[in-house]
Amino acid sequence: MKTRVISGVVGALLAVVAVMNYYTLVLDIAAFAIYAIAVSEICRVFRDGNSKLVNLSLILVGTVTLFNSKIGLDPKIIAVVFIAAIVCIVVFDFENIKFTSVASSVMFSLYVLVGVYSIVDIKYVLDFATYGWDAAFLFVLCAGIAWGGDIMAYFSGYLFGKHKMAPKLSPKKTVEGAIGGVAGSVVIAMLMMFVYSKMTMVSSLGILHSFNRNYILLALIAAVGSCLGIIGDLFASAVKRQSGIKDYGTIMPGHGGVMDRFDSFLFVSPVIYLMADFISRL
């Protein structure tokens, strides 16, 4: 437990640094590091019949995608080149690889890329000149919904849990814990919005204009995000169970790997991204 707490504190401090540098290249680099480590963990899970070229291709497509605001390539070109690279690997190295391993690595890694990209691109959807710190707040809100919900689910399950939710995937998860987690995410989201509204000026186009007085809509977004976070957690657990591993990695002592810690976060972030996109169109 001590190791887990220390690791959590270190992670929290790094998150603070990321928030303070959200509108700089530091955030993009941190997001890429998370993606690259996650890809490494995923390819290690499906290493039987996989190829190092697949790992390299996934890293390269992540690099181009996450830094595309600086590079400026057409997304369609990125997609076509990446698909062509994977097809060539399968064709020319077919005697040494298994398509199922390659396909699993690609699918899982692209799911991670969507989640990471969602966080990075929010600051370009809600630019600082117009929306101030709103995009950074959404990043924090995403963490609050995902990890705050996880914490509330743990304690709700510990205190009231009786009915197993998915005993074969995650024996400790209960229906009561899931309900507590969703409710916790909603409360945390509303508290965060209330605090943020007191800390900033209300802009005519910012988040506060649309959501500060509409807590029902915010609660709905938080609840949907929390439910998807639970699904993301179970999805990651399903892959682990079928692969016969306990954790994806060891980079975070007491927590496991990046995928063990970010599984729910990566499912919540696209919801928050859609929220940002909606705001930008108001």
C-alpha atoms as a PDB file:
ATOM      1  CA  MET A   1       0.000   0.000   0.000  1.00  0.00           C
ATOM      2  CA  LYS A   2       2.869   2.378   0.848  1.00  0.00           C
ATOM      3  CA  THR A   3       4.411   1.852  -2.583  1.00  0.00           C
ATOM      4  CA  ARG A   4       1.039   2.410  -4.241  1.00  0.00           C
ATOM      5  CA  VAL A   5       0.501   5.681  -2.343  1.00  0.00           C
ATOM      6  CA  ILE A   6       3.997   6.987  -3.123  1.00  0.00           C
ATOM      7  CA  SER A   7       3.575   6.097  -6.787  1.00  0.00           C
ATOM      8  CA  GLY A   8       0.181   7.820  -6.808  1.00  0.00           C
ATOM      9  CA  VAL A   9       1.623  10.999  -5.261  1.00  0.00           C
ATOM     10  CA  VAL A  10       4.414  11.096  -7.845  1.00  0.00           C
ATOM     11  CA  GLY A  11       1.847  10.601 -10.605  1.00  0.00           C
ATOM     12  CA  ALA A  12      -0.299  13.410  -9.174  1.00  0.00           C
ATOM     13  CA  LEU A  13       2.683  15.787  -9.123  1.00  0.00           C
ATOM     14  CA  LEU A  14       3.470  14.960 -12.741  1.00  0.00           C
ATOM     15  CA  ALA A  15      -0.172  15.615 -13.606  1.00  0.00           C
ATOM     16  CA  VAL A  16       0.069  19.053 -11.958  1.00  0.00           C
ATOM     17  CA  VAL A  17       3.137  19.819 -14.068  1.00  0.00           C
ATOM     18  CA  ALA A  18       1.216  18.728 -17.177  1.00  0.00           C
ATOM     19  CA  VAL A  19      -1.703  21.025 -16.315  1.00  0.00           C
ATOM     20  CA  MET A  20       0.576  24.000 -15.665  1.00  0.00           C
ATOM     21  CA  ASN A  21       2.204  23.403 -19.061  1.00  0.00           C
ATOM     22  CA  TYR A  22      -0.966  22.366 -20.856  1.00  0.00           C
ATOM     23  CA  TYR A  23      -0.676  25.018 -23.564  1.00  0.00           C
ATOM     24  CA  THR A  24       2.978  24.257 -24.293  1.00  0.00           C
ATOM     25  CA  LEU A  25       4.770  21.491 -26.146  1.00  0.00           C
ATOM     26  CA  VAL A  26       5.395  19.821 -22.778  1.00  0.00           C
ATOM     27  CA  LEU A  27       1.848  18.431 -22.762  1.00  0.00           C
ATOM     28  CA  ASP A  28       2.229  17.042 -26.288  1.00  0.00           C
ATOM     29  CA  ILE A  29       5.504  15.350 -25.360  1.00  0.00           C
ATOM     30  CA  ALA A  30       4.000  13.896 -22.152  1.00  0.00           C
ATOM     31  CA  ALA A  31       0.994  12.582 -24.110  1.00  0.00           C
ATOM     32  CA  PHE A  32       3.298  11.001 -26.674  1.00  0.00           C
ATOM     33  CA  ALA A  33       5.346   9.360 -23.902  1.00  0.00           C
ATOM     34  CA  ILE A  34       2.175   7.835 -22.437  1.00  0.00           C
ATOM     35  CA  TYR A  35       1.147   6.575 -25.868  1.00  0.00           C
ATOM     36  CA  ALA A  36       4.585   5.152 -26.677  1.00  0.00           C
ATOM     37  CA  ILE A  37       4.805   3.299 -23.352  1.00  0.00           C
ATOM     38  CA  ALA A  38       1.255   1.984 -23.790  1.00  0.00           C
ATOM     39  CA  VAL A  39       2.094   0.706 -27.291  1.00  0.00           C
ATOM     40  CA  SER A  40       5.173  -1.030 -25.923  1.00  0.00           C
ATOM     41  CA  GLU A  41       3.043  -2.702 -23.235  1.00  0.00           C
ATOM     42  CA  ILE A  42       0.377  -3.746 -25.742  1.00  0.00           C
ATOM     43  CA  CYS A  43       2.855  -5.192 -28.243  1.00  0.00           C
ATOM     44  CA  ARG A  44       4.491  -7.100 -25.395  1.00  0.00           C
ATOM     45  CA  VAL A  45       1.116  -8.647 -24.522  1.00  0.00           C
ATOM     46  CA  PHE A  46       0.697  -9.792 -28.139  1.00  0.00           C
ATOM     47  CA  ARG A  47       4.391 -10.531 -28.687  1.00  0.00           C
ATOM     48  CA  ASP A  48       3.731 -14.103 -29.863  1.00  0.00           C
ATOM     49  CA  GLY A  49       3.874 -13.857 -33.632  1.00  0.00           C
ATOM     50  CA  ASN A  50       4.197 -10.070 -33.601  1.00  0.00           C
ATOM     51  CA  SER A  51       6.832  -7.924 -35.289  1.00  0.00           C
ATOM     52  CA  LYS A  52       9.045  -5.085 -34.087  1.00  0.00           C
ATOM     53  CA  LEU A  53       8.099  -3.305 -37.304  1.00  0.00           C
ATOM     54  CA  VAL A  54       4.480  -3.219 -36.110  1.00  0.00           C
ATOM     55  CA  ASN A  55       5.615  -1.553 -32.888  1.00  0.00           C
ATOM     56  CA  LEU A  56       7.688   0.950 -34.867  1.00  0.00           C
ATOM     57  CA  SER A  57       4.804   1.696 -37.260  1.00  0.00           C
ATOM     58  CA  LEU A  58       2.463   2.362 -34.331  1.00  0.00           C
ATOM     59  CA  ILE A  59       4.996   4.675 -32.703  1.00  0.00           C
ATOM     60  CA  LEU A  60       5.482   6.584 -35.954  1.00  0.00           C
ATOM     61  CA  VAL A  61       1.756   7.010 -36.634  1.00  0.00           C
ATOM     62  CA  GLY A  62       1.349   8.219 -33.045  1.00  0.00           C
ATOM     63  CA  THR A  63       4.179  10.705 -33.486  1.00  0.00           C
ATOM     64  CA  VAL A  64       2.725  12.144 -36.674  1.00  0.00           C
ATOM     65  CA  THR A  65      -0.817  12.244 -35.274  1.00  0.00           C
ATOM     66  CA  LEU A  66      -0.024  13.834 -31.915  1.00  0.00           C
ATOM     67  CA  PHE A  67       2.343  16.422 -33.405  1.00  0.00           C
ATOM     68  CA  ASN A  68       0.358  17.014 -36.584  1.00  0.00           C
ATOM     69  CA  SER A  69      -0.504  20.563 -35.500  1.00  0.00           C
ATOM     70  CA  LYS A  70       3.189  21.298 -36.095  1.00  0.00           C
ATOM     71  CA  ILE A  71       3.651  18.974 -39.089  1.00  0.00           C
ATOM     72  CA  GLY A  72       0.430  19.763 -40.962  1.00  0.00           C
ATOM     73  CA  LEU A  73      -0.147  16.518 -42.881  1.00  0.00           C
ATOM     74  CA  ASP A  74      -3.547  15.509 -44.241  1.00  0.00           C
ATOM     75  CA  PRO A  75      -5.014  12.889 -41.833  1.00  0.00           C
ATOM     76  CA  LYS A  76      -6.106  10.813 -44.832  1.00  0.00           C
ATOM     77  CA  ILE A  77      -2.487  10.564 -45.973  1.00  0.00           C
ATOM     78  CA  ILE A  78      -1.432   9.445 -42.487  1.00  0.00           C
ATOM     79  CA  ALA A  79      -4.127   6.744 -42.469  1.00  0.00           C
ATOM     80  CA  VAL A  80      -3.297   5.442 -45.955  1.00  0.00           C
ATOM     81  CA  VAL A  81       0.461   5.260 -45.301  1.00  0.00           C
ATOM     82  CA  PHE A  82      -0.061   3.515 -41.958  1.00  0.00           C
ATOM     83  CA  ILE A  83      -2.446   0.925 -43.402  1.00  0.00           C
ATOM     84  CA  ALA A  84      -0.058   0.308 -46.296  1.00  0.00           C
ATOM     85  CA  ALA A  85       2.816  -0.210 -43.831  1.00  0.00           C
ATOM     86  CA  ILE A  86       0.872  -2.793 -41.799  1.00  0.00           C
ATOM     87  CA  VAL A  87      -0.259  -4.612 -44.960  1.00  0.00           C
ATOM     88  CA  CYS A  88       3.335  -4.763 -46.231  1.00  0.00           C
ATOM     89  CA  ILE A  89       4.538  -6.162 -42.911  1.00  0.00           C
ATOM     90  CA  VAL A  90       1.923  -8.915 -43.049  1.00  0.00           C
ATOM     91  CA  VAL A  91       2.689  -9.719 -46.705  1.00  0.00           C
ATOM     92  CA  PHE A  92       6.480  -9.707 -46.634  1.00  0.00           C
ATOM     93  CA  ASP A  93       6.993 -11.208 -43.176  1.00  0.00           C
ATOM     94  CA  PHE A  94       4.089 -13.669 -43.197  1.00  0.00           C
ATOM     95  CA  GLU A  95       6.240 -16.660 -42.216  1.00  0.00           C
ATOM     96  CA  ASN A  96       7.281 -15.055 -38.918  1.00  0.00           C
ATOM     97  CA  ILE A  97       4.144 -13.297 -37.735  1.00  0.00           C
ATOM     98  CA  LYS A  98       0.547 -14.024 -36.831  1.00  0.00           C
ATOM     99  CA  PHE A  99      -2.099 -11.749 -38.270  1.00  0.00           C
ATOM    100  CA  THR A 100      -4.211 -12.097 -35.111  1.00  0.00           C
ATOM    101  CA  SER A 101      -1.342 -10.728 -32.978  1.00  0.00           C
ATOM    102  CA  VAL A 102      -0.689  -7.886 -35.405  1.00  0.00           C
ATOM    103  CA  ALA A 103      -4.378  -6.994 -35.681  1.00  0.00           C
ATOM    104  CA  SER A 104      -4.821  -7.075 -31.893  1.00  0.00           C
ATOM    105  CA  SER A 105      -1.833  -4.787 -31.342  1.00  0.00           C
ATOM    106  CA  VAL A 106      -2.996  -2.337 -34.003  1.00  0.00           C
ATOM    107  CA  MET A 107      -6.615  -2.211 -32.817  1.00  0.00           C
ATOM    108  CA  PHE A 108      -5.707  -1.798 -29.158  1.00  0.00           C
ATOM    109  CA  SER A 109      -3.020   0.806 -29.859  1.00  0.00           C
ATOM    110  CA  LEU A 110      -5.283   2.896 -32.108  1.00  0.00           C
ATOM    111  CA  TYR A 111      -7.899   2.908 -29.348  1.00  0.00           C
ATOM    112  CA  VAL A 112      -5.213   4.312 -27.038  1.00  0.00           C
ATOM    113  CA  LEU A 113      -4.206   6.873 -29.667  1.00  0.00           C
ATOM    114  CA  VAL A 114      -7.785   8.140 -29.944  1.00  0.00           C
ATOM    115  CA  GLY A 115      -7.912   8.664 -26.178  1.00  0.00           C
ATOM    116  CA  VAL A 116      -4.541  10.416 -25.987  1.00  0.00           C
ATOM    117  CA  TYR A 117      -5.231  12.531 -29.073  1.00  0.00           C
ATOM    118  CA  SER A 118      -8.526  13.677 -27.563  1.00  0.00           C
ATOM    119  CA  ILE A 119      -6.682  15.286 -24.653  1.00  0.00           C
ATOM    120  CA  VAL A 120      -3.979  16.895 -26.796  1.00  0.00           C
ATOM    121  CA  ASP A 121      -6.346  18.322 -29.401  1.00  0.00           C
ATOM    122  CA  ILE A 122      -8.689  19.982 -26.897  1.00  0.00           C
ATOM    123  CA  LYS A 123      -6.231  22.863 -26.514  1.00  0.00           C
ATOM    124  CA  TYR A 124      -6.422  23.463 -30.268  1.00  0.00           C
ATOM    125  CA  VAL A 125     -10.216  23.214 -30.345  1.00  0.00           C
ATOM    126  CA  LEU A 126     -10.504  25.630 -27.414  1.00  0.00           C
ATOM    127  CA  ASP A 127      -7.599  27.987 -28.019  1.00  0.00           C
ATOM    128  CA  PHE A 128      -6.192  29.944 -25.096  1.00  0.00           C
ATOM    129  CA  ALA A 129      -6.777  33.360 -26.698  1.00  0.00           C
ATOM    130  CA  THR A 130     -10.534  32.776 -26.828  1.00  0.00           C
ATOM    131  CA  TYR A 131     -11.265  30.328 -24.034  1.00  0.00           C
ATOM    132  CA  GLY A 132      -8.535  30.965 -21.497  1.00  0.00           C
ATOM    133  CA  TRP A 133      -7.847  27.988 -19.230  1.00  0.00           C
ATOM    134  CA  ASP A 134     -11.041  26.188 -20.242  1.00  0.00           C
ATOM    135  CA  ALA A 135      -9.221  23.447 -22.195  1.00  0.00           C
ATOM    136  CA  ALA A 136      -6.847  22.785 -19.290  1.00  0.00           C
ATOM    137  CA  PHE A 137      -9.855  22.582 -17.003  1.00  0.00           C
ATOM    138  CA  LEU A 138     -11.405  19.949 -19.273  1.00  0.00           C
ATOM    139  CA  PHE A 139      -8.199  17.920 -18.962  1.00  0.00           C
ATOM    140  CA  VAL A 140      -8.519  18.062 -15.171  1.00  0.00           C
ATOM    141  CA  LEU A 141     -12.250  17.321 -15.427  1.00  0.00           C
ATOM    142  CA  CYS A 142     -11.476  14.201 -17.450  1.00  0.00           C
ATOM    143  CA  ALA A 143      -9.091  13.002 -14.734  1.00  0.00           C
ATOM    144  CA  GLY A 144     -11.656  13.779 -12.047  1.00  0.00           C
ATOM    145  CA  ILE A 145     -14.391  11.795 -13.787  1.00  0.00           C
ATOM    146  CA  ALA A 146     -12.130   8.816 -14.570  1.00  0.00           C
ATOM    147  CA  TRP A 147      -9.944   8.499 -11.477  1.00  0.00           C
ATOM    148  CA  GLY A 148     -12.325  10.132  -9.029  1.00  0.00           C
ATOM    149  CA  GLY A 149     -14.944   7.662 -10.164  1.00  0.00           C
ATOM    150  CA  ASP A 150     -12.470   4.801  -9.703  1.00  0.00           C
ATOM    151  CA  ILE A 151     -11.789   5.849  -6.114  1.00  0.00           C
ATOM    152  CA  MET A 152     -15.482   6.233  -5.284  1.00  0.00           C
ATOM    153  CA  ALA A 153     -16.229   2.874  -6.929  1.00  0.00           C
ATOM    154  CA  TYR A 154     -13.556   1.222  -4.771  1.00  0.00           C
ATOM    155  CA  PHE A 155     -14.955   2.556  -1.504  1.00  0.00           C
ATOM    156  CA  SER A 156     -18.591   2.002  -2.525  1.00  0.00           C
ATOM    157  CA  GLY A 157     -17.790  -1.576  -3.465  1.00  0.00           C
ATOM    158  CA  TYR A 158     -15.837  -2.106  -0.231  1.00  0.00           C
ATOM    159  CA  LEU A 159     -18.660  -0.762   1.950  1.00  0.00           C
ATOM    160  CA  PHE A 160     -21.775  -1.886   0.092  1.00  0.00           C
ATOM    161  CA  GLY A 161     -20.693  -4.333  -2.608  1.00  0.00           C
ATOM    162  CA  LYS A 162     -22.729  -7.544  -2.765  1.00  0.00           C
ATOM    163  CA  HIS A 163     -23.530  -8.245  -6.401  1.00  0.00           C
ATOM    164  CA  LYS A 164     -20.626  -9.106  -8.699  1.00  0.00           C
ATOM    165  CA  MET A 165     -20.678  -7.105 -11.915  1.00  0.00           C
ATOM    166  CA  ALA A 166     -18.219  -9.108 -14.042  1.00  0.00           C
ATOM    167  CA  PRO A 167     -16.810 -11.935 -11.881  1.00  0.00           C
ATOM    168  CA  LYS A 168     -14.794 -13.536 -14.682  1.00  0.00           C
ATOM    169  CA  LEU A 169     -13.166 -10.281 -15.757  1.00  0.00           C
ATOM    170  CA  SER A 170     -12.763  -8.396 -12.497  1.00  0.00           C
ATOM    171  CA  PRO A 171     -13.901 -10.388  -9.440  1.00  0.00           C
ATOM    172  CA  LYS A 172     -13.710  -7.418  -7.070  1.00  0.00           C
ATOM    173  CA  LYS A 173     -16.001  -5.130  -9.085  1.00  0.00           C
ATOM    174  CA  THR A 174     -19.601  -4.968  -7.923  1.00  0.00           C
ATOM    175  CA  VAL A 175     -22.790  -3.365  -9.186  1.00  0.00           C
ATOM    176  CA  GLU A 176     -22.929  -1.266  -6.025  1.00  0.00           C
ATOM    177  CA  GLY A 177     -19.365  -0.121  -6.596  1.00  0.00           C
ATOM    178  CA  ALA A 178     -20.153   0.864 -10.188  1.00  0.00           C
ATOM    179  CA  ILE A 179     -23.209   2.869  -9.088  1.00  0.00           C
ATOM    180  CA  GLY A 180     -21.122   4.589  -6.415  1.00  0.00           C
ATOM    181  CA  GLY A 181     -18.418   5.314  -8.982  1.00  0.00           C
ATOM    182  CA  VAL A 182     -20.831   6.923 -11.445  1.00  0.00           C
ATOM    183  CA  ALA A 183     -22.479   8.955  -8.683  1.00  0.00           C
ATOM    184  CA  GLY A 184     -19.038   9.976  -7.426  1.00  0.00           C
ATOM    185  CA  SER A 185     -17.975  11.105 -10.897  1.00  0.00           C
ATOM    186  CA  VAL A 186     -21.094  13.250 -11.196  1.00  0.00           C
ATOM    187  CA  VAL A 187     -20.571  14.904  -7.805  1.00  0.00           C
ATOM    188  CA  ILE A 188     -16.852  15.450  -8.451  1.00  0.00           C
ATOM    189  CA  ALA A 189     -17.552  16.986 -11.869  1.00  0.00           C
ATOM    190  CA  MET A 190     -20.087  19.413 -10.446  1.00  0.00           C
ATOM    191  CA  LEU A 191     -17.805  20.371  -7.551  1.00  0.00           C
ATOM    192  CA  MET A 192     -14.924  20.938  -9.960  1.00  0.00           C
ATOM    193  CA  MET A 193     -17.089  23.128 -12.184  1.00  0.00           C
ATOM    194  CA  PHE A 194     -18.286  25.117  -9.161  1.00  0.00           C
ATOM    195  CA  VAL A 195     -14.722  25.719  -7.954  1.00  0.00           C
ATOM    196  CA  TYR A 196     -13.515  26.598 -11.454  1.00  0.00           C
ATOM    197  CA  SER A 197     -16.368  29.082 -11.886  1.00  0.00           C
ATOM    198  CA  LYS A 198     -15.201  30.865  -8.728  1.00  0.00           C
ATOM    199  CA  MET A 199     -11.586  30.952  -9.861  1.00  0.00           C
ATOM    200  CA  THR A 200     -12.060  32.398 -13.358  1.00  0.00           C
ATOM    201  CA  MET A 201     -13.871  35.155 -15.128  1.00  0.00           C
ATOM    202  CA  VAL A 202     -16.936  34.070 -17.071  1.00  0.00           C
ATOM    203  CA  SER A 203     -16.120  34.524 -20.748  1.00  0.00           C
ATOM    204  CA  SER A 204     -18.783  35.020 -23.390  1.00  0.00           C
ATOM    205  CA  LEU A 205     -17.676  31.937 -25.309  1.00  0.00           C
ATOM    206  CA  GLY A 206     -16.032  29.748 -22.684  1.00  0.00           C
ATOM    207  CA  ILE A 207     -17.148  26.604 -20.914  1.00  0.00           C
ATOM    208  CA  LEU A 208     -18.781  28.567 -18.118  1.00  0.00           C
ATOM    209  CA  HIS A 209     -21.137  30.267 -20.548  1.00  0.00           C
ATOM    210  CA  SER A 210     -22.625  26.898 -21.498  1.00  0.00           C
ATOM    211  CA  PHE A 211     -22.227  24.704 -18.441  1.00  0.00           C
ATOM    212  CA  ASN A 212     -21.791  26.774 -15.291  1.00  0.00           C
ATOM    213  CA  ARG A 213     -25.533  27.089 -14.762  1.00  0.00           C
ATOM    214  CA  ASN A 214     -26.506  23.873 -16.507  1.00  0.00           C
ATOM    215  CA  TYR A 215     -25.433  21.249 -14.004  1.00  0.00           C
ATOM    216  CA  ILE A 216     -27.948  18.733 -15.344  1.00  0.00           C
ATOM    217  CA  LEU A 217     -26.110  18.629 -18.677  1.00  0.00           C
ATOM    218  CA  LEU A 218     -22.753  18.441 -16.911  1.00  0.00           C
ATOM    219  CA  ALA A 219     -24.044  15.607 -14.693  1.00  0.00           C
ATOM    220  CA  LEU A 220     -25.202  13.704 -17.792  1.00  0.00           C
ATOM    221  CA  ILE A 221     -21.794  14.096 -19.455  1.00  0.00           C
ATOM    222  CA  ALA A 222     -20.027  12.980 -16.271  1.00  0.00           C
ATOM    223  CA  ALA A 223     -22.319   9.958 -15.902  1.00  0.00           C
ATOM    224  CA  VAL A 224     -21.817   8.879 -19.529  1.00  0.00           C
ATOM    225  CA  GLY A 225     -18.064   9.387 -19.204  1.00  0.00           C
ATOM    226  CA  SER A 226     -17.948   7.396 -15.976  1.00  0.00           C
ATOM    227  CA  CYS A 227     -19.914   4.495 -17.492  1.00  0.00           C
ATOM    228  CA  LEU A 228     -17.557   4.420 -20.473  1.00  0.00           C
ATOM    229  CA  GLY A 229     -14.626   4.526 -18.051  1.00  0.00           C
ATOM    230  CA  ILE A 230     -15.956   1.373 -16.390  1.00  0.00           C
ATOM    231  CA  ILE A 231     -16.277  -0.296 -19.793  1.00  0.00           C
ATOM    232  CA  GLY A 232     -12.722   0.749 -20.647  1.00  0.00           C
ATOM    233  CA  ASP A 233     -11.483  -0.755 -17.394  1.00  0.00           C
ATOM    234  CA  LEU A 234     -13.293  -4.027 -18.088  1.00  0.00           C
ATOM    235  CA  PHE A 235     -12.022  -4.077 -21.667  1.00  0.00           C
ATOM    236  CA  ALA A 236      -8.437  -3.785 -20.457  1.00  0.00           C
ATOM    237  CA  SER A 237      -9.129  -6.522 -17.903  1.00  0.00           C
ATOM    238  CA  ALA A 238     -10.601  -8.775 -20.593  1.00  0.00           C
ATOM    239  CA  VAL A 239      -7.396  -8.483 -22.632  1.00  0.00           C
ATOM    240  CA  LYS A 240      -5.313  -9.264 -19.547  1.00  0.00           C
ATOM    241  CA  ARG A 241      -7.388 -12.310 -18.633  1.00  0.00           C
ATOM    242  CA  GLN A 242      -7.220 -13.749 -22.146  1.00  0.00           C
ATOM    243  CA  SER A 243      -3.483 -13.079 -22.296  1.00  0.00           C
ATOM    244  CA  GLY A 244      -2.821 -14.570 -18.873  1.00  0.00           C
ATOM    245  CA  ILE A 245      -1.090 -11.524 -17.365  1.00  0.00           C
ATOM    246  CA  LYS A 246      -1.699  -9.658 -14.110  1.00  0.00           C
ATOM    247  CA  ASP A 247      -0.493  -6.202 -15.177  1.00  0.00           C
ATOM    248  CA  TYR A 248       0.478  -4.581 -18.446  1.00  0.00           C
ATOM    249  CA  GLY A 249       3.750  -3.290 -17.024  1.00  0.00           C
ATOM    250  CA  THR A 250       5.692  -2.189 -13.964  1.00  0.00           C
ATOM    251  CA  ILE A 251       6.456   1.456 -14.714  1.00  0.00           C
ATOM    252  CA  MET A 252       4.135   2.602 -11.897  1.00  0.00           C
ATOM    253  CA  PRO A 253       4.960   0.547  -8.773  1.00  0.00           C
ATOM    254  CA  GLY A 254       1.794  -0.572  -7.026  1.00  0.00           C
ATOM    255  CA  HIS A 255      -0.344   0.374 -10.020  1.00  0.00           C
ATOM    256  CA  GLY A 256       1.202  -1.648 -12.838  1.00  0.00           C
ATOM    257  CA  GLY A 257       1.754  -0.198 -16.291  1.00  0.00           C
ATOM    258  CA  VAL A 258       0.408   2.798 -18.144  1.00  0.00           C
ATOM    259  CA  MET A 259      -2.514   0.757 -19.464  1.00  0.00           C
ATOM    260  CA  ASP A 260      -3.386  -0.376 -15.928  1.00  0.00           C
ATOM    261  CA  ARG A 261      -3.681   3.240 -14.816  1.00  0.00           C
ATOM    262  CA  PHE A 262      -5.092   4.918 -17.927  1.00  0.00           C
ATOM    263  CA  ASP A 263      -7.610   2.283 -19.057  1.00  0.00           C
ATOM    264  CA  SER A 264     -10.658   4.227 -17.841  1.00  0.00           C
ATOM    265  CA  PHE A 265      -9.146   7.656 -18.594  1.00  0.00           C
ATOM    266  CA  LEU A 266      -8.738   6.752 -22.266  1.00  0.00           C
ATOM    267  CA  PHE A 267     -12.447   5.999 -22.589  1.00  0.00           C
ATOM    268  CA  VAL A 268     -13.528   9.188 -20.811  1.00  0.00           C
ATOM    269  CA  SER A 269     -11.302  11.572 -22.800  1.00  0.00           C
ATOM    270  CA  PRO A 270     -13.184  11.234 -26.137  1.00  0.00           C
ATOM    271  CA  VAL A 271     -16.397  12.232 -24.335  1.00  0.00           C
ATOM    272  CA  ILE A 272     -14.681  15.337 -22.976  1.00  0.00           C
ATOM    273  CA  TYR A 273     -13.277  16.055 -26.440  1.00  0.00           C
ATOM    274  CA  LEU A 274     -16.784  15.945 -27.921  1.00  0.00           C
ATOM    275  CA  MET A 275     -17.870  18.311 -25.155  1.00  0.00           C
ATOM    276  CA  ALA A 276     -15.089  20.723 -26.157  1.00  0.00           C
ATOM    277  CA  ASP A 277     -16.024  20.451 -29.809  1.00  0.00           C
ATOM    278  CA  PHE A 278     -19.638  21.223 -28.954  1.00  0.00           C
ATOM    279  CA  ILE A 279     -18.590  24.293 -26.983  1.00  0.00           C
ATOM    280  CA  SER A 280     -16.426  25.562 -29.830  1.00  0.00           C
ATOM    281  CA  ARG A 281     -19.452  25.547 -32.132  1.00  0.00           C
ATOM    282  CA  LEU A 282     -21.640  27.688 -29.865  1.00  0.00           C
END
